[in-house]
Amino acid sequence: MTETAIRTPWHLWLVGVIAVLFNAIGVFDFVMSMTQGAAYMASAGMTPEQIAHYEHLPAWMTIDWAVGVFGALAGSVLILLRHRLAWPVLAVSLAAFLLSVAYTYLLTDGGRIMGPQMGVMSAVIAGLLALFIGYAWWMTRRGVLR
């Protein structure tokens, strides 16, 4: 039985590289926040109240944050590797991100502390993750990611 080779479309490389670069920012921010702490956050323009909010995150939220950013980067790399697990890994990342948004806006007063610009940024991040998931799912359905 002969299998038909499915060509990799040019846009896979474009979307994959954009996804890796975008999600690498999240990993960088997480690593710097964990290693440099308040000094990094202050250099990023955060207020003392915002820094205190992050410094008092419960351990489960730090784990959730790590799952979100590292999952997003891993899913993006999986797109470039043409692996079908890209969309489920990205979906787990989005779920982790949405949990962190729920914690910030529903369980704490983080929404007030972070200000409206964080709400906009959260919407952009969620939207881009959803687009990356949709793209990876579409490429899986077409047989490009296997």
N, C-alpha and C. Protein backbone atom coordinates (compact mmCIF):
# COMPACT_ATOMS: atom_id res chain seq x y z
N MET A 1 0.85 -1.17 0.00
CA MET A 1 0.00 0.00 0.00
C MET A 1 0.90 1.24 0.00
N THR A 2 0.61 2.18 -0.84
CA THR A 2 1.41 3.38 -0.98
C THR A 2 0.74 4.54 -0.25
N GLU A 3 1.54 5.21 0.59
CA GLU A 3 1.03 6.39 1.28
C GLU A 3 1.38 7.63 0.47
N THR A 4 0.44 8.53 0.38
CA THR A 4 0.67 9.79 -0.31
C THR A 4 1.36 10.75 0.65
N ALA A 5 2.49 11.29 0.20
CA ALA A 5 3.21 12.26 1.03
C ALA A 5 2.44 13.58 1.05
N ILE A 6 2.25 14.09 2.24
CA ILE A 6 1.57 15.37 2.39
C ILE A 6 2.62 16.45 2.56
N ARG A 7 2.56 17.41 1.66
CA ARG A 7 3.53 18.50 1.70
C ARG A 7 3.26 19.43 2.87
N THR A 8 4.34 19.95 3.40
CA THR A 8 4.22 20.92 4.48
C THR A 8 3.97 22.29 3.86
N PRO A 9 2.84 22.92 4.19
CA PRO A 9 2.57 24.25 3.62
C PRO A 9 3.52 25.30 4.20
N TRP A 10 3.80 26.31 3.41
CA TRP A 10 4.72 27.36 3.84
C TRP A 10 4.23 28.04 5.11
N HIS A 11 2.90 28.17 5.25
CA HIS A 11 2.37 28.90 6.40
C HIS A 11 2.61 28.16 7.71
N LEU A 12 2.85 26.84 7.67
CA LEU A 12 3.16 26.13 8.91
C LEU A 12 4.43 26.69 9.53
N TRP A 13 5.42 26.95 8.71
CA TRP A 13 6.68 27.49 9.24
C TRP A 13 6.48 28.90 9.77
N LEU A 14 5.68 29.69 9.07
CA LEU A 14 5.41 31.06 9.51
C LEU A 14 4.68 31.05 10.86
N VAL A 15 3.58 30.30 10.95
CA VAL A 15 2.81 30.24 12.18
C VAL A 15 3.65 29.63 13.30
N GLY A 16 4.39 28.57 13.00
CA GLY A 16 5.22 27.91 14.01
C GLY A 16 6.28 28.83 14.58
N VAL A 17 6.96 29.57 13.72
CA VAL A 17 8.01 30.48 14.19
C VAL A 17 7.40 31.62 15.01
N ILE A 18 6.29 32.18 14.53
CA ILE A 18 5.62 33.25 15.29
C ILE A 18 5.19 32.71 16.66
N ALA A 19 4.62 31.51 16.69
CA ALA A 19 4.18 30.92 17.95
C ALA A 19 5.35 30.70 18.90
N VAL A 20 6.46 30.18 18.37
CA VAL A 20 7.64 29.94 19.23
C VAL A 20 8.15 31.27 19.79
N LEU A 21 8.28 32.26 18.95
CA LEU A 21 8.80 33.55 19.40
C LEU A 21 7.87 34.19 20.44
N PHE A 22 6.57 34.18 20.16
CA PHE A 22 5.61 34.76 21.09
C PHE A 22 5.64 34.03 22.44
N ASN A 23 5.62 32.72 22.39
CA ASN A 23 5.56 31.94 23.63
C ASN A 23 6.90 31.90 24.36
N ALA A 24 7.99 32.14 23.66
CA ALA A 24 9.29 32.26 24.32
C ALA A 24 9.31 33.48 25.25
N ILE A 25 8.56 34.50 24.90
CA ILE A 25 8.46 35.68 25.76
C ILE A 25 7.87 35.29 27.11
N GLY A 26 6.83 34.45 27.09
CA GLY A 26 6.21 33.99 28.33
C GLY A 26 7.18 33.18 29.18
N VAL A 27 7.96 32.31 28.53
CA VAL A 27 8.94 31.51 29.26
C VAL A 27 10.01 32.43 29.85
N PHE A 28 10.48 33.39 29.07
CA PHE A 28 11.48 34.34 29.55
C PHE A 28 10.95 35.09 30.77
N ASP A 29 9.72 35.58 30.68
CA ASP A 29 9.13 36.32 31.79
C ASP A 29 9.02 35.44 33.04
N PHE A 30 8.60 34.20 32.87
CA PHE A 30 8.49 33.29 34.01
C PHE A 30 9.86 33.04 34.64
N VAL A 31 10.84 32.70 33.82
CA VAL A 31 12.18 32.39 34.34
C VAL A 31 12.77 33.61 35.04
N MET A 32 12.65 34.77 34.44
CA MET A 32 13.19 35.97 35.06
C MET A 32 12.45 36.30 36.36
N SER A 33 11.14 36.12 36.37
CA SER A 33 10.38 36.37 37.59
C SER A 33 10.79 35.42 38.71
N MET A 34 11.09 34.18 38.36
CA MET A 34 11.47 33.19 39.37
C MET A 34 12.92 33.39 39.84
N THR A 35 13.80 33.81 38.94
CA THR A 35 15.22 33.92 39.30
C THR A 35 15.61 35.31 39.80
N GLN A 36 15.02 36.34 39.21
CA GLN A 36 15.39 37.71 39.59
C GLN A 36 14.36 38.37 40.49
N GLY A 37 13.17 37.81 40.55
CA GLY A 37 12.12 38.28 41.46
C GLY A 37 11.73 39.73 41.28
N ALA A 38 11.65 40.43 42.40
CA ALA A 38 11.17 41.81 42.43
C ALA A 38 12.02 42.74 41.57
N ALA A 39 13.31 42.50 41.50
CA ALA A 39 14.18 43.36 40.70
C ALA A 39 13.78 43.31 39.22
N TYR A 40 13.52 42.11 38.72
CA TYR A 40 13.09 41.97 37.33
C TYR A 40 11.73 42.63 37.13
N MET A 41 10.80 42.34 38.04
CA MET A 41 9.46 42.88 37.89
C MET A 41 9.46 44.41 37.92
N ALA A 42 10.28 44.99 38.81
CA ALA A 42 10.38 46.44 38.87
C ALA A 42 10.97 46.99 37.57
N SER A 43 11.97 46.29 37.04
CA SER A 43 12.57 46.75 35.78
C SER A 43 11.59 46.65 34.61
N ALA A 44 10.59 45.79 34.75
CA ALA A 44 9.55 45.65 33.73
C ALA A 44 8.44 46.69 33.90
N GLY A 45 8.57 47.54 34.94
CA GLY A 45 7.62 48.62 35.14
C GLY A 45 6.47 48.30 36.08
N MET A 46 6.57 47.20 36.82
CA MET A 46 5.50 46.85 37.75
C MET A 46 5.58 47.71 39.01
N THR A 47 4.42 48.01 39.56
CA THR A 47 4.35 48.79 40.79
C THR A 47 4.65 47.88 41.99
N PRO A 48 4.98 48.46 43.13
CA PRO A 48 5.20 47.63 44.33
C PRO A 48 3.99 46.75 44.67
N GLU A 49 2.79 47.26 44.48
CA GLU A 49 1.59 46.47 44.76
C GLU A 49 1.48 45.28 43.79
N GLN A 50 1.80 45.51 42.53
CA GLN A 50 1.77 44.42 41.54
C GLN A 50 2.83 43.36 41.87
N ILE A 51 4.01 43.82 42.23
CA ILE A 51 5.09 42.89 42.60
C ILE A 51 4.67 42.06 43.81
N ALA A 52 4.07 42.70 44.81
CA ALA A 52 3.62 41.99 46.00
C ALA A 52 2.58 40.92 45.63
N HIS A 53 1.72 41.24 44.69
CA HIS A 53 0.71 40.27 44.24
C HIS A 53 1.40 39.02 43.71
N TYR A 54 2.38 39.18 42.86
CA TYR A 54 3.10 38.03 42.30
C TYR A 54 3.94 37.30 43.35
N GLU A 55 4.52 38.04 44.25
CA GLU A 55 5.34 37.41 45.29
C GLU A 55 4.52 36.57 46.26
N HIS A 56 3.22 36.82 46.32
CA HIS A 56 2.36 36.08 47.25
C HIS A 56 1.47 35.05 46.55
N LEU A 57 1.83 34.69 45.31
CA LEU A 57 1.06 33.66 44.63
C LEU A 57 1.22 32.34 45.38
N PRO A 58 0.14 31.58 45.51
CA PRO A 58 0.28 30.26 46.12
C PRO A 58 1.09 29.35 45.19
N ALA A 59 1.67 28.31 45.77
CA ALA A 59 2.52 27.40 44.99
C ALA A 59 1.78 26.81 43.79
N TRP A 60 0.51 26.49 43.97
CA TRP A 60 -0.23 25.88 42.85
C TRP A 60 -0.37 26.85 41.68
N MET A 61 -0.40 28.15 41.96
CA MET A 61 -0.47 29.13 40.88
C MET A 61 0.87 29.25 40.15
N THR A 62 1.95 29.12 40.89
CA THR A 62 3.27 29.14 40.23
C THR A 62 3.40 27.92 39.32
N ILE A 63 2.92 26.78 39.78
CA ILE A 63 2.94 25.57 38.94
C ILE A 63 2.04 25.76 37.72
N ASP A 64 0.87 26.33 37.94
CA ASP A 64 -0.05 26.60 36.83
C ASP A 64 0.60 27.54 35.80
N TRP A 65 1.26 28.57 36.28
CA TRP A 65 1.94 29.53 35.42
C TRP A 65 3.01 28.80 34.59
N ALA A 66 3.78 27.94 35.24
CA ALA A 66 4.82 27.17 34.54
C ALA A 66 4.21 26.26 33.48
N VAL A 67 3.14 25.57 33.83
CA VAL A 67 2.47 24.68 32.85
C VAL A 67 2.00 25.50 31.66
N GLY A 68 1.45 26.67 31.93
CA GLY A 68 0.96 27.53 30.85
C GLY A 68 2.05 27.97 29.89
N VAL A 69 3.13 28.52 30.42
CA VAL A 69 4.15 29.08 29.53
C VAL A 69 5.01 27.99 28.87
N PHE A 70 5.40 26.98 29.64
CA PHE A 70 6.21 25.92 29.04
C PHE A 70 5.38 25.06 28.10
N GLY A 71 4.11 24.86 28.43
CA GLY A 71 3.22 24.12 27.53
C GLY A 71 3.03 24.86 26.22
N ALA A 72 2.87 26.17 26.28
CA ALA A 72 2.69 26.96 25.06
C ALA A 72 3.94 26.88 24.18
N LEU A 73 5.10 26.97 24.80
CA LEU A 73 6.33 26.87 24.02
C LEU A 73 6.49 25.47 23.44
N ALA A 74 6.22 24.44 24.24
CA ALA A 74 6.33 23.07 23.75
C ALA A 74 5.36 22.82 22.59
N GLY A 75 4.12 23.29 22.74
CA GLY A 75 3.15 23.12 21.66
C GLY A 75 3.58 23.83 20.39
N SER A 76 4.18 24.99 20.53
CA SER A 76 4.67 25.73 19.37
C SER A 76 5.80 24.99 18.66
N VAL A 77 6.71 24.43 19.45
CA VAL A 77 7.79 23.63 18.87
C VAL A 77 7.22 22.39 18.18
N LEU A 78 6.20 21.79 18.78
CA LEU A 78 5.56 20.62 18.17
C LEU A 78 4.93 20.96 16.82
N ILE A 79 4.44 22.18 16.65
CA ILE A 79 3.96 22.60 15.32
C ILE A 79 5.10 22.52 14.33
N LEU A 80 6.24 23.09 14.70
CA LEU A 80 7.40 23.07 13.79
C LEU A 80 7.90 21.65 13.51
N LEU A 81 7.74 20.77 14.50
CA LEU A 81 8.15 19.37 14.32
C LEU A 81 7.08 18.55 13.61
N ARG A 82 5.97 19.18 13.27
CA ARG A 82 4.85 18.54 12.58
C ARG A 82 4.29 17.37 13.38
N HIS A 83 4.15 17.57 14.68
CA HIS A 83 3.66 16.51 15.55
C HIS A 83 2.21 16.77 15.94
N ARG A 84 1.39 15.74 15.87
CA ARG A 84 -0.05 15.87 16.13
C ARG A 84 -0.39 16.24 17.57
N LEU A 85 0.55 16.10 18.50
CA LEU A 85 0.28 16.50 19.88
C LEU A 85 0.33 18.01 20.09
N ALA A 86 0.64 18.75 19.05
CA ALA A 86 0.74 20.21 19.19
C ALA A 86 -0.55 20.81 19.73
N TRP A 87 -1.68 20.47 19.14
CA TRP A 87 -2.91 21.13 19.58
C TRP A 87 -3.34 20.71 20.98
N PRO A 88 -3.23 19.43 21.39
CA PRO A 88 -3.61 19.14 22.78
C PRO A 88 -2.67 19.79 23.80
N VAL A 89 -1.38 19.87 23.49
CA VAL A 89 -0.44 20.51 24.41
C VAL A 89 -0.77 22.00 24.52
N LEU A 90 -1.06 22.63 23.40
CA LEU A 90 -1.46 24.04 23.42
C LEU A 90 -2.78 24.22 24.16
N ALA A 91 -3.69 23.27 24.04
CA ALA A 91 -4.98 23.36 24.74
C ALA A 91 -4.78 23.29 26.26
N VAL A 92 -3.87 22.43 26.71
CA VAL A 92 -3.56 22.37 28.15
C VAL A 92 -2.98 23.70 28.60
N SER A 93 -2.12 24.27 27.77
CA SER A 93 -1.53 25.57 28.09
C SER A 93 -2.61 26.64 28.22
N LEU A 94 -3.55 26.66 27.29
CA LEU A 94 -4.64 27.64 27.36
C LEU A 94 -5.49 27.42 28.62
N ALA A 95 -5.76 26.17 28.95
CA ALA A 95 -6.53 25.88 30.17
C ALA A 95 -5.80 26.40 31.40
N ALA A 96 -4.48 26.21 31.45
CA ALA A 96 -3.69 26.71 32.57
C ALA A 96 -3.73 28.24 32.61
N PHE A 97 -3.64 28.85 31.45
CA PHE A 97 -3.70 30.31 31.40
C PHE A 97 -5.06 30.82 31.89
N LEU A 98 -6.13 30.18 31.45
CA LEU A 98 -7.47 30.60 31.88
C LEU A 98 -7.67 30.40 33.37
N LEU A 99 -7.05 29.37 33.93
CA LEU A 99 -7.11 29.18 35.38
C LEU A 99 -6.41 30.34 36.09
N SER A 100 -5.27 30.78 35.55
CA SER A 100 -4.56 31.90 36.17
C SER A 100 -5.37 33.20 36.05
N VAL A 101 -6.07 33.36 34.94
CA VAL A 101 -6.94 34.54 34.78
C VAL A 101 -8.08 34.48 35.79
N ALA A 102 -8.68 33.31 35.96
CA ALA A 102 -9.75 33.15 36.94
C ALA A 102 -9.24 33.46 38.35
N TYR A 103 -8.06 32.98 38.67
CA TYR A 103 -7.48 33.27 39.99
C TYR A 103 -7.30 34.78 40.16
N THR A 104 -6.72 35.41 39.16
CA THR A 104 -6.42 36.84 39.25
C THR A 104 -7.68 37.69 39.35
N TYR A 105 -8.68 37.38 38.53
CA TYR A 105 -9.85 38.26 38.44
C TYR A 105 -11.04 37.83 39.31
N LEU A 106 -11.11 36.55 39.66
CA LEU A 106 -12.25 36.08 40.43
C LEU A 106 -11.93 35.74 41.88
N LEU A 107 -10.74 35.22 42.13
CA LEU A 107 -10.41 34.77 43.48
C LEU A 107 -9.59 35.78 44.28
N THR A 108 -9.02 36.74 43.59
CA THR A 108 -8.23 37.78 44.28
C THR A 108 -8.62 39.14 43.71
N ASP A 109 -8.02 40.19 44.23
CA ASP A 109 -8.25 41.51 43.67
C ASP A 109 -7.15 41.87 42.66
N GLY A 110 -6.59 40.85 42.03
CA GLY A 110 -5.52 41.05 41.06
C GLY A 110 -5.92 41.91 39.89
N GLY A 111 -7.18 41.85 39.49
CA GLY A 111 -7.64 42.68 38.38
C GLY A 111 -7.48 44.15 38.68
N ARG A 112 -7.83 44.53 39.91
CA ARG A 112 -7.67 45.94 40.33
C ARG A 112 -6.20 46.30 40.42
N ILE A 113 -5.42 45.39 40.97
CA ILE A 113 -3.99 45.64 41.17
C ILE A 113 -3.26 45.77 39.83
N MET A 114 -3.58 44.89 38.90
CA MET A 114 -2.87 44.87 37.63
C MET A 114 -3.33 45.96 36.67
N GLY A 115 -4.56 46.40 36.81
CA GLY A 115 -5.07 47.46 35.96
C GLY A 115 -5.65 46.93 34.66
N PRO A 116 -6.31 47.82 33.93
CA PRO A 116 -7.00 47.40 32.71
C PRO A 116 -6.07 46.90 31.60
N GLN A 117 -4.84 47.38 31.58
CA GLN A 117 -3.92 46.92 30.52
C GLN A 117 -3.63 45.44 30.63
N MET A 118 -3.66 44.88 31.85
CA MET A 118 -3.44 43.45 32.02
C MET A 118 -4.63 42.67 31.48
N GLY A 119 -5.82 43.22 31.61
CA GLY A 119 -7.00 42.57 31.04
C GLY A 119 -6.90 42.49 29.53
N VAL A 120 -6.44 43.56 28.91
CA VAL A 120 -6.25 43.57 27.46
C VAL A 120 -5.17 42.55 27.07
N MET A 121 -4.07 42.55 27.81
CA MET A 121 -2.99 41.61 27.52
C MET A 121 -3.47 40.16 27.68
N SER A 122 -4.26 39.90 28.70
CA SER A 122 -4.78 38.55 28.91
C SER A 122 -5.67 38.12 27.74
N ALA A 123 -6.49 39.04 27.25
CA ALA A 123 -7.35 38.73 26.11
C ALA A 123 -6.51 38.44 24.85
N VAL A 124 -5.45 39.20 24.64
CA VAL A 124 -4.57 38.98 23.49
C VAL A 124 -3.89 37.61 23.60
N ILE A 125 -3.37 37.29 24.78
CA ILE A 125 -2.71 36.00 24.99
C ILE A 125 -3.69 34.86 24.75
N ALA A 126 -4.88 34.94 25.34
CA ALA A 126 -5.88 33.88 25.16
C ALA A 126 -6.28 33.76 23.69
N GLY A 127 -6.46 34.88 23.03
CA GLY A 127 -6.82 34.86 21.61
C GLY A 127 -5.75 34.22 20.75
N LEU A 128 -4.50 34.58 20.99
CA LEU A 128 -3.41 33.99 20.20
C LEU A 128 -3.26 32.49 20.48
N LEU A 129 -3.38 32.11 21.74
CA LEU A 129 -3.32 30.68 22.06
C LEU A 129 -4.45 29.94 21.36
N ALA A 130 -5.64 30.51 21.36
CA ALA A 130 -6.78 29.87 20.67
C ALA A 130 -6.50 29.75 19.17
N LEU A 131 -5.91 30.78 18.58
CA LEU A 131 -5.57 30.71 17.15
C LEU A 131 -4.52 29.63 16.89
N PHE A 132 -3.51 29.54 17.73
CA PHE A 132 -2.48 28.51 17.55
C PHE A 132 -3.08 27.11 17.70
N ILE A 133 -4.00 26.95 18.66
CA ILE A 133 -4.68 25.66 18.85
C ILE A 133 -5.49 25.32 17.60
N GLY A 134 -6.28 26.29 17.13
CA GLY A 134 -7.09 26.07 15.94
C GLY A 134 -6.25 25.72 14.72
N TYR A 135 -5.15 26.41 14.56
CA TYR A 135 -4.26 26.14 13.43
C TYR A 135 -3.68 24.73 13.53
N ALA A 136 -3.18 24.37 14.71
CA ALA A 136 -2.59 23.04 14.90
C ALA A 136 -3.64 21.95 14.69
N TRP A 137 -4.85 22.18 15.17
CA TRP A 137 -5.93 21.21 14.97
C TRP A 137 -6.23 21.05 13.48
N TRP A 138 -6.29 22.18 12.78
CA TRP A 138 -6.56 22.17 11.34
C TRP A 138 -5.46 21.41 10.60
N MET A 139 -4.21 21.67 10.95
CA MET A 139 -3.10 20.98 10.29
C MET A 139 -3.10 19.48 10.62
N THR A 140 -3.57 19.13 11.80
CA THR A 140 -3.69 17.72 12.17
C THR A 140 -4.78 17.06 11.32
N ARG A 141 -5.91 17.73 11.18
CA ARG A 141 -7.03 17.19 10.37
C ARG A 141 -6.62 17.02 8.92
N ARG A 142 -5.76 17.88 8.43
CA ARG A 142 -5.30 17.79 7.04
C ARG A 142 -4.19 16.75 6.88
N GLY A 143 -3.70 16.21 8.00
CA GLY A 143 -2.65 15.20 7.92
C GLY A 143 -1.24 15.75 7.86
N VAL A 144 -1.11 17.07 8.04
CA VAL A 144 0.22 17.69 8.02
C VAL A 144 0.96 17.39 9.33
N LEU A 145 0.23 17.51 10.44
CA LEU A 145 0.82 17.15 11.74
C LEU A 145 0.43 15.70 12.01
N ARG A 146 1.45 14.84 12.20
CA ARG A 146 1.15 13.42 12.43
C ARG A 146 1.91 12.89 13.60
